[in-house]
Amino acid sequence: MQSSDKHDIGQALATLRARIGRLEERYDRPAGSVDLLAVSKTMPVDAVQAAVKAGQRAFGENHLQDARSKIEALAAAEKIAGEPPLSWHFIGDIQSNKTREIAASFDWVHSIGREKIARRLSEQRASELAPLCVCIEVNISGEPTKAGVAPKEVESLAEIVLSLPGLRLRGLMAIPQPAPDMASARLAFRQLRDLLDDLNAKGFDLDTLSMGMSGDLEAAIAEGATIVRIGTAIFGRRHR
């Protein structure tokens, strides 16, 4: 279970799952309450295959063409007896001319930041498919170059997304700016959790906080992450 640079993906996954379990216990989270999304963007098919063999079923991609080749190559993995199907999550910026293929190929989208994109995804989701699970991306740190809506705009976009039949609004996603210490990292994630709590208090019934990556997953889990998006800690250093 190794990628082309001999990084042991199976061992890395086992180590990471054990760490997540310890963090769930440390921060009084229910066992199994944090789902692991393997960020396979830029990684070759054989690396994803190694992760599948090690039991990983959910993968995150941000480039449509690269993702499509992996989805097609791994179609046979969908039929592994006794295992849930692979789940493909789009986690990058979305161009209008890519929405049709994203709506057709993915199970989740974590990066809804515009009404136009949400409407296109809903309209282009085939009726025979389950509604596309989506998260609203929040620019929680207010960075001018980062995608996502401002915290004050989240509720209005959530109301629109909730009304779209081809989508199922699950929660919020954020990528805070790098923090100098654990306390600062926790504060940013707490702000996202508070936004989710506010929406739920208004009847939105959301269940997902997509936050935390290889460098800050402890802070994210401490503040309620339900999906952590991990790439480097699973696949090793990226080559492009």
C-alpha atoms as a PDB file:
ATOM      1  CA  MET A   1       0.000   0.000   0.000  1.00  0.00           C
ATOM      2  CA  GLN A   2       2.539   2.522  -1.082  1.00  0.00           C
ATOM      3  CA  SER A   3       2.504   5.445  -3.464  1.00  0.00           C
ATOM      4  CA  SER A   4       5.145   5.961  -6.102  1.00  0.00           C
ATOM      5  CA  ASP A   5       7.548   7.646  -3.657  1.00  0.00           C
ATOM      6  CA  LYS A   6       7.350   4.667  -1.258  1.00  0.00           C
ATOM      7  CA  HIS A   7       5.295   6.566   1.287  1.00  0.00           C
ATOM      8  CA  ASP A   8       3.245   3.944   3.163  1.00  0.00           C
ATOM      9  CA  ILE A   9      -0.314   5.152   2.755  1.00  0.00           C
ATOM     10  CA  GLY A  10      -1.876   2.253   4.627  1.00  0.00           C
ATOM     11  CA  GLN A  11       0.292   2.875   7.701  1.00  0.00           C
ATOM     12  CA  ALA A  12      -0.314   6.622   7.473  1.00  0.00           C
ATOM     13  CA  LEU A  13      -4.070   6.065   7.467  1.00  0.00           C
ATOM     14  CA  ALA A  14      -3.881   3.722  10.443  1.00  0.00           C
ATOM     15  CA  THR A  15      -1.815   6.251  12.381  1.00  0.00           C
ATOM     16  CA  LEU A  16      -4.165   9.083  11.495  1.00  0.00           C
ATOM     17  CA  ARG A  17      -7.305   7.164  12.425  1.00  0.00           C
ATOM     18  CA  ALA A  18      -5.772   6.288  15.777  1.00  0.00           C
ATOM     19  CA  ARG A  19      -4.906   9.939  16.353  1.00  0.00           C
ATOM     20  CA  ILE A  20      -8.437  11.071  15.495  1.00  0.00           C
ATOM     21  CA  GLY A  21      -9.787   8.494  17.937  1.00  0.00           C
ATOM     22  CA  ARG A  22      -7.532   9.810  20.702  1.00  0.00           C
ATOM     23  CA  LEU A  23      -8.582  13.399  19.972  1.00  0.00           C
ATOM     24  CA  GLU A  24     -12.264  12.446  20.061  1.00  0.00           C
ATOM     25  CA  GLU A  25     -11.702  11.016  23.514  1.00  0.00           C
ATOM     26  CA  ARG A  26      -9.579  13.947  24.686  1.00  0.00           C
ATOM     27  CA  TYR A  27     -12.188  16.527  23.731  1.00  0.00           C
ATOM     28  CA  ASP A  28     -15.230  14.522  24.847  1.00  0.00           C
ATOM     29  CA  ARG A  29     -16.411  13.843  21.319  1.00  0.00           C
ATOM     30  CA  PRO A  30     -18.381  10.638  20.654  1.00  0.00           C
ATOM     31  CA  ALA A  31     -16.280   7.881  19.137  1.00  0.00           C
ATOM     32  CA  GLY A  32     -16.641   7.948  15.363  1.00  0.00           C
ATOM     33  CA  SER A  33     -18.103  11.470  15.280  1.00  0.00           C
ATOM     34  CA  VAL A  34     -15.268  12.819  13.098  1.00  0.00           C
ATOM     35  CA  ASP A  35     -15.210  11.580   9.502  1.00  0.00           C
ATOM     36  CA  LEU A  36     -11.948  11.488   7.577  1.00  0.00           C
ATOM     37  CA  LEU A  37     -11.925  12.959   4.074  1.00  0.00           C
ATOM     38  CA  ALA A  38      -8.729  11.957   2.237  1.00  0.00           C
ATOM     39  CA  VAL A  39      -7.694  14.911   0.091  1.00  0.00           C
ATOM     40  CA  SER A  40      -6.417  13.118  -2.979  1.00  0.00           C
ATOM     41  CA  LYS A  41      -6.053  16.166  -5.230  1.00  0.00           C
ATOM     42  CA  THR A  42      -2.906  16.015  -7.388  1.00  0.00           C
ATOM     43  CA  MET A  43      -2.218  12.454  -6.246  1.00  0.00           C
ATOM     44  CA  PRO A  44      -1.975   9.619  -8.808  1.00  0.00           C
ATOM     45  CA  VAL A  45      -4.565   6.884  -9.150  1.00  0.00           C
ATOM     46  CA  ASP A  46      -2.308   4.292  -7.541  1.00  0.00           C
ATOM     47  CA  ALA A  47      -2.087   6.368  -4.359  1.00  0.00           C
ATOM     48  CA  VAL A  48      -5.879   6.549  -4.147  1.00  0.00           C
ATOM     49  CA  GLN A  49      -6.110   2.826  -4.837  1.00  0.00           C
ATOM     50  CA  ALA A  50      -3.742   2.199  -1.926  1.00  0.00           C
ATOM     51  CA  ALA A  51      -5.968   4.280   0.342  1.00  0.00           C
ATOM     52  CA  VAL A  52      -9.049   2.353  -0.803  1.00  0.00           C
ATOM     53  CA  LYS A  53      -7.293  -0.937  -0.032  1.00  0.00           C
ATOM     54  CA  ALA A  54      -6.582   0.440   3.444  1.00  0.00           C
ATOM     55  CA  GLY A  55     -10.290   1.057   3.993  1.00  0.00           C
ATOM     56  CA  GLN A  56     -10.647   4.725   3.040  1.00  0.00           C
ATOM     57  CA  ARG A  57     -13.911   5.459   1.213  1.00  0.00           C
ATOM     58  CA  ALA A  58     -14.216   9.276   1.003  1.00  0.00           C
ATOM     59  CA  PHE A  59     -11.948  11.394  -1.201  1.00  0.00           C
ATOM     60  CA  GLY A  60     -11.631  15.128  -1.836  1.00  0.00           C
ATOM     61  CA  GLU A  61     -10.710  16.654  -5.182  1.00  0.00           C
ATOM     62  CA  ASN A  62     -10.477  20.223  -6.488  1.00  0.00           C
ATOM     63  CA  HIS A  63      -9.698  19.778 -10.188  1.00  0.00           C
ATOM     64  CA  LEU A  64     -12.454  18.309 -12.309  1.00  0.00           C
ATOM     65  CA  GLN A  65     -10.412  16.668 -15.049  1.00  0.00           C
ATOM     66  CA  ASP A  66      -7.988  15.041 -12.618  1.00  0.00           C
ATOM     67  CA  ALA A  67     -10.856  13.884 -10.408  1.00  0.00           C
ATOM     68  CA  ARG A  68     -12.836  12.411 -13.283  1.00  0.00           C
ATOM     69  CA  SER A  69      -9.963  10.131 -14.287  1.00  0.00           C
ATOM     70  CA  LYS A  70      -9.747   8.793 -10.729  1.00  0.00           C
ATOM     71  CA  ILE A  71     -13.490   8.331 -10.389  1.00  0.00           C
ATOM     72  CA  GLU A  72     -13.560   6.311 -13.610  1.00  0.00           C
ATOM     73  CA  ALA A  73     -10.468   4.281 -12.724  1.00  0.00           C
ATOM     74  CA  LEU A  74     -11.819   3.410  -9.301  1.00  0.00           C
ATOM     75  CA  ALA A  75     -15.338   2.550 -10.388  1.00  0.00           C
ATOM     76  CA  ALA A  76     -14.631  -1.122  -9.691  1.00  0.00           C
ATOM     77  CA  ALA A  77     -13.900  -0.276  -6.061  1.00  0.00           C
ATOM     78  CA  GLU A  78     -17.563   0.655  -5.689  1.00  0.00           C
ATOM     79  CA  LYS A  79     -18.386  -3.054  -5.863  1.00  0.00           C
ATOM     80  CA  ILE A  80     -16.217  -4.297  -2.988  1.00  0.00           C
ATOM     81  CA  ALA A  81     -18.439  -6.673  -1.038  1.00  0.00           C
ATOM     82  CA  GLY A  82     -19.510  -5.419   2.346  1.00  0.00           C
ATOM     83  CA  GLU A  83     -18.036  -1.932   1.900  1.00  0.00           C
ATOM     84  CA  PRO A  84     -19.937   1.327   1.421  1.00  0.00           C
ATOM     85  CA  PRO A  85     -19.512   2.952  -2.002  1.00  0.00           C
ATOM     86  CA  LEU A  86     -16.749   5.467  -2.539  1.00  0.00           C
ATOM     87  CA  SER A  87     -17.793   9.044  -1.808  1.00  0.00           C
ATOM     88  CA  TRP A  88     -16.347  11.856  -3.917  1.00  0.00           C
ATOM     89  CA  HIS A  89     -16.212  15.390  -2.516  1.00  0.00           C
ATOM     90  CA  PHE A  90     -15.456  18.511  -4.541  1.00  0.00           C
ATOM     91  CA  ILE A  91     -13.543  20.930  -2.306  1.00  0.00           C
ATOM     92  CA  GLY A  92     -12.224  23.611  -4.666  1.00  0.00           C
ATOM     93  CA  ASP A  93     -13.427  26.784  -6.315  1.00  0.00           C
ATOM     94  CA  ILE A  94     -16.197  26.157  -8.842  1.00  0.00           C
ATOM     95  CA  GLN A  95     -16.349  27.763 -12.275  1.00  0.00           C
ATOM     96  CA  SER A  96     -19.764  28.135 -13.880  1.00  0.00           C
ATOM     97  CA  ASN A  97     -18.779  26.024 -16.883  1.00  0.00           C
ATOM     98  CA  LYS A  98     -17.854  23.098 -14.599  1.00  0.00           C
ATOM     99  CA  THR A  99     -21.074  22.806 -12.617  1.00  0.00           C
ATOM    100  CA  ARG A 100     -22.757  20.264 -14.898  1.00  0.00           C
ATOM    101  CA  GLU A 101     -19.947  17.727 -14.574  1.00  0.00           C
ATOM    102  CA  ILE A 102     -19.546  18.352 -10.846  1.00  0.00           C
ATOM    103  CA  ALA A 103     -23.271  17.833 -10.341  1.00  0.00           C
ATOM    104  CA  ALA A 104     -23.061  14.560 -12.241  1.00  0.00           C
ATOM    105  CA  SER A 105     -19.861  13.129 -10.767  1.00  0.00           C
ATOM    106  CA  PHE A 106     -19.710  14.095  -7.086  1.00  0.00           C
ATOM    107  CA  ASP A 107     -21.622  13.218  -3.937  1.00  0.00           C
ATOM    108  CA  TRP A 108     -20.615  16.309  -1.969  1.00  0.00           C
ATOM    109  CA  VAL A 109     -19.539  19.884  -2.667  1.00  0.00           C
ATOM    110  CA  HIS A 110     -17.856  21.736   0.200  1.00  0.00           C
ATOM    111  CA  SER A 111     -17.283  25.061  -1.542  1.00  0.00           C
ATOM    112  CA  ILE A 112     -20.641  26.741  -2.190  1.00  0.00           C
ATOM    113  CA  GLY A 113     -19.933  30.461  -2.063  1.00  0.00           C
ATOM    114  CA  ARG A 114     -22.284  31.974  -4.621  1.00  0.00           C
ATOM    115  CA  GLU A 115     -26.004  31.762  -5.310  1.00  0.00           C
ATOM    116  CA  LYS A 116     -25.373  31.357  -9.053  1.00  0.00           C
ATOM    117  CA  ILE A 117     -23.235  28.267  -8.511  1.00  0.00           C
ATOM    118  CA  ALA A 118     -25.734  26.755  -6.085  1.00  0.00           C
ATOM    119  CA  ARG A 119     -28.602  27.225  -8.534  1.00  0.00           C
ATOM    120  CA  ARG A 120     -26.645  25.735 -11.432  1.00  0.00           C
ATOM    121  CA  LEU A 121     -25.644  22.690  -9.408  1.00  0.00           C
ATOM    122  CA  SER A 122     -29.248  22.128  -8.338  1.00  0.00           C
ATOM    123  CA  GLU A 123     -30.634  22.513 -11.852  1.00  0.00           C
ATOM    124  CA  GLN A 124     -27.994  20.195 -13.325  1.00  0.00           C
ATOM    125  CA  ARG A 125     -28.241  17.436 -10.723  1.00  0.00           C
ATOM    126  CA  ALA A 126     -29.987  14.507 -12.403  1.00  0.00           C
ATOM    127  CA  SER A 127     -33.371  13.706 -10.888  1.00  0.00           C
ATOM    128  CA  GLU A 128     -32.499  10.025 -10.517  1.00  0.00           C
ATOM    129  CA  LEU A 129     -29.586  10.929  -8.228  1.00  0.00           C
ATOM    130  CA  ALA A 130     -29.913  11.799  -4.570  1.00  0.00           C
ATOM    131  CA  PRO A 131     -29.655  15.533  -3.886  1.00  0.00           C
ATOM    132  CA  LEU A 132     -26.062  16.740  -3.844  1.00  0.00           C
ATOM    133  CA  CYS A 133     -24.827  17.202  -0.266  1.00  0.00           C
ATOM    134  CA  VAL A 134     -23.313  20.681   0.073  1.00  0.00           C
ATOM    135  CA  CYS A 135     -21.579  22.946   2.550  1.00  0.00           C
ATOM    136  CA  ILE A 136     -21.408  26.726   2.383  1.00  0.00           C
ATOM    137  CA  GLU A 137     -17.812  27.945   2.371  1.00  0.00           C
ATOM    138  CA  VAL A 138     -17.250  30.736   4.884  1.00  0.00           C
ATOM    139  CA  ASN A 139     -14.342  33.176   4.705  1.00  0.00           C
ATOM    140  CA  ILE A 140     -14.056  33.024   8.474  1.00  0.00           C
ATOM    141  CA  SER A 141     -10.783  35.001   8.662  1.00  0.00           C
ATOM    142  CA  GLY A 142     -11.900  37.756   6.281  1.00  0.00           C
ATOM    143  CA  GLU A 143      -8.989  37.260   3.896  1.00  0.00           C
ATOM    144  CA  PRO A 144      -9.449  39.344   0.724  1.00  0.00           C
ATOM    145  CA  THR A 145      -7.941  36.703  -1.567  1.00  0.00           C
ATOM    146  CA  LYS A 146      -9.835  33.729  -0.131  1.00  0.00           C
ATOM    147  CA  ALA A 147     -13.088  32.288  -1.467  1.00  0.00           C
ATOM    148  CA  GLY A 148     -16.244  31.972   0.588  1.00  0.00           C
ATOM    149  CA  VAL A 149     -18.951  34.222   1.932  1.00  0.00           C
ATOM    150  CA  ALA A 150     -18.564  36.608   4.845  1.00  0.00           C
ATOM    151  CA  PRO A 151     -20.070  35.338   8.107  1.00  0.00           C
ATOM    152  CA  LYS A 152     -22.836  37.960   7.939  1.00  0.00           C
ATOM    153  CA  GLU A 153     -23.919  36.598   4.521  1.00  0.00           C
ATOM    154  CA  VAL A 154     -24.154  32.950   5.526  1.00  0.00           C
ATOM    155  CA  GLU A 155     -27.794  32.911   6.596  1.00  0.00           C
ATOM    156  CA  SER A 156     -29.136  34.504   3.408  1.00  0.00           C
ATOM    157  CA  LEU A 157     -27.206  32.059   1.208  1.00  0.00           C
ATOM    158  CA  ALA A 158     -28.269  29.158   3.436  1.00  0.00           C
ATOM    159  CA  GLU A 159     -31.924  30.086   2.923  1.00  0.00           C
ATOM    160  CA  ILE A 160     -31.446  30.024  -0.842  1.00  0.00           C
ATOM    161  CA  VAL A 161     -29.560  26.712  -0.853  1.00  0.00           C
ATOM    162  CA  LEU A 162     -32.154  25.139   1.414  1.00  0.00           C
ATOM    163  CA  SER A 163     -34.841  25.953  -1.167  1.00  0.00           C
ATOM    164  CA  LEU A 164     -33.055  24.235  -4.078  1.00  0.00           C
ATOM    165  CA  PRO A 165     -34.412  20.722  -4.774  1.00  0.00           C
ATOM    166  CA  GLY A 166     -31.210  19.317  -6.248  1.00  0.00           C
ATOM    167  CA  LEU A 167     -29.163  20.187  -3.178  1.00  0.00           C
ATOM    168  CA  ARG A 168     -29.142  19.081   0.440  1.00  0.00           C
ATOM    169  CA  LEU A 169     -27.574  21.688   2.697  1.00  0.00           C
ATOM    170  CA  ARG A 170     -25.478  19.843   5.286  1.00  0.00           C
ATOM    171  CA  GLY A 171     -23.395  22.539   6.950  1.00  0.00           C
ATOM    172  CA  LEU A 172     -20.446  24.901   6.726  1.00  0.00           C
ATOM    173  CA  MET A 173     -16.829  24.708   5.573  1.00  0.00           C
ATOM    174  CA  ALA A 174     -13.878  26.998   6.242  1.00  0.00           C
ATOM    175  CA  ILE A 175     -10.129  27.220   5.759  1.00  0.00           C
ATOM    176  CA  PRO A 176      -8.960  29.774   8.352  1.00  0.00           C
ATOM    177  CA  GLN A 177      -5.674  31.572   7.895  1.00  0.00           C
ATOM    178  CA  PRO A 178      -2.736  29.833   9.593  1.00  0.00           C
ATOM    179  CA  ALA A 179      -2.746  30.477  13.325  1.00  0.00           C
ATOM    180  CA  PRO A 180       0.334  31.040  15.511  1.00  0.00           C
ATOM    181  CA  ASP A 181      -0.879  28.826  18.341  1.00  0.00           C
ATOM    182  CA  MET A 182      -3.557  26.367  19.407  1.00  0.00           C
ATOM    183  CA  ALA A 183      -5.717  28.983  21.118  1.00  0.00           C
ATOM    184  CA  SER A 184      -5.857  31.155  18.001  1.00  0.00           C
ATOM    185  CA  ALA A 185      -6.638  28.161  15.806  1.00  0.00           C
ATOM    186  CA  ARG A 186      -9.445  27.097  18.110  1.00  0.00           C
ATOM    187  CA  LEU A 187     -10.927  30.595  18.079  1.00  0.00           C
ATOM    188  CA  ALA A 188     -11.318  30.590  14.290  1.00  0.00           C
ATOM    189  CA  PHE A 189     -12.960  27.171  14.289  1.00  0.00           C
ATOM    190  CA  ARG A 190     -15.190  28.194  17.202  1.00  0.00           C
ATOM    191  CA  GLN A 191     -16.501  31.067  15.109  1.00  0.00           C
ATOM    192  CA  LEU A 192     -17.581  28.620  12.414  1.00  0.00           C
ATOM    193  CA  ARG A 193     -19.199  26.342  14.989  1.00  0.00           C
ATOM    194  CA  ASP A 194     -21.058  29.322  16.448  1.00  0.00           C
ATOM    195  CA  LEU A 195     -22.381  30.177  12.982  1.00  0.00           C
ATOM    196  CA  LEU A 196     -23.666  26.629  12.597  1.00  0.00           C
ATOM    197  CA  ASP A 197     -25.255  26.738  16.050  1.00  0.00           C
ATOM    198  CA  ASP A 198     -26.971  30.028  15.178  1.00  0.00           C
ATOM    199  CA  LEU A 199     -28.397  28.558  11.971  1.00  0.00           C
ATOM    200  CA  ASN A 200     -29.650  25.487  13.797  1.00  0.00           C
ATOM    201  CA  ALA A 201     -31.282  27.660  16.437  1.00  0.00           C
ATOM    202  CA  LYS A 202     -33.241  29.188  13.552  1.00  0.00           C
ATOM    203  CA  GLY A 203     -34.390  25.785  12.326  1.00  0.00           C
ATOM    204  CA  PHE A 204     -31.875  24.870   9.624  1.00  0.00           C
ATOM    205  CA  ASP A 205     -31.061  21.404  11.063  1.00  0.00           C
ATOM    206  CA  LEU A 206     -27.457  21.194   9.827  1.00  0.00           C
ATOM    207  CA  ASP A 207     -25.061  18.454  10.890  1.00  0.00           C
ATOM    208  CA  THR A 208     -21.692  19.142   9.244  1.00  0.00           C
ATOM    209  CA  LEU A 209     -18.638  21.237  10.091  1.00  0.00           C
ATOM    210  CA  SER A 210     -16.006  20.622   7.412  1.00  0.00           C
ATOM    211  CA  MET A 211     -12.882  22.106   8.975  1.00  0.00           C
ATOM    212  CA  GLY A 212      -9.365  21.110   9.864  1.00  0.00           C
ATOM    213  CA  MET A 213      -6.449  19.891   7.764  1.00  0.00           C
ATOM    214  CA  SER A 214      -3.179  18.088   8.459  1.00  0.00           C
ATOM    215  CA  GLY A 215      -1.686  20.993  10.413  1.00  0.00           C
ATOM    216  CA  ASP A 216      -4.658  22.017  12.529  1.00  0.00           C
ATOM    217  CA  LEU A 217      -6.948  19.021  12.899  1.00  0.00           C
ATOM    218  CA  GLU A 218      -6.615  18.951  16.702  1.00  0.00           C
ATOM    219  CA  ALA A 219      -7.975  22.485  17.041  1.00  0.00           C
ATOM    220  CA  ALA A 220     -10.772  21.650  14.590  1.00  0.00           C
ATOM    221  CA  ILE A 221     -11.789  18.474  16.418  1.00  0.00           C
ATOM    222  CA  ALA A 222     -11.687  20.317  19.742  1.00  0.00           C
ATOM    223  CA  GLU A 223     -14.201  22.817  18.335  1.00  0.00           C
ATOM    224  CA  GLY A 224     -16.610  20.331  16.785  1.00  0.00           C
ATOM    225  CA  ALA A 225     -15.395  19.351  13.323  1.00  0.00           C
ATOM    226  CA  THR A 226     -17.406  16.498  11.845  1.00  0.00           C
ATOM    227  CA  ILE A 227     -15.260  16.184   8.688  1.00  0.00           C
ATOM    228  CA  VAL A 228     -11.517  16.786   8.637  1.00  0.00           C
ATOM    229  CA  ARG A 229      -9.889  17.182   5.221  1.00  0.00           C
ATOM    230  CA  ILE A 230      -6.468  15.529   5.335  1.00  0.00           C
ATOM    231  CA  GLY A 231      -3.982  15.224   2.496  1.00  0.00           C
ATOM    232  CA  THR A 232      -0.321  15.379   3.463  1.00  0.00           C
ATOM    233  CA  ALA A 233      -0.664  13.243   6.592  1.00  0.00           C
ATOM    234  CA  ILE A 234      -2.103  10.455   4.413  1.00  0.00           C
ATOM    235  CA  PHE A 235      -0.370  10.765   1.056  1.00  0.00           C
ATOM    236  CA  GLY A 236       2.889  12.490   1.958  1.00  0.00           C
ATOM    237  CA  ARG A 237       4.394  15.472   0.200  1.00  0.00           C
ATOM    238  CA  ARG A 238       2.705  16.500  -3.038  1.00  0.00           C
ATOM    239  CA  HIS A 239       4.799  16.759  -6.167  1.00  0.00           C
ATOM    240  CA  ARG A 240       2.727  19.367  -8.019  1.00  0.00           C
END
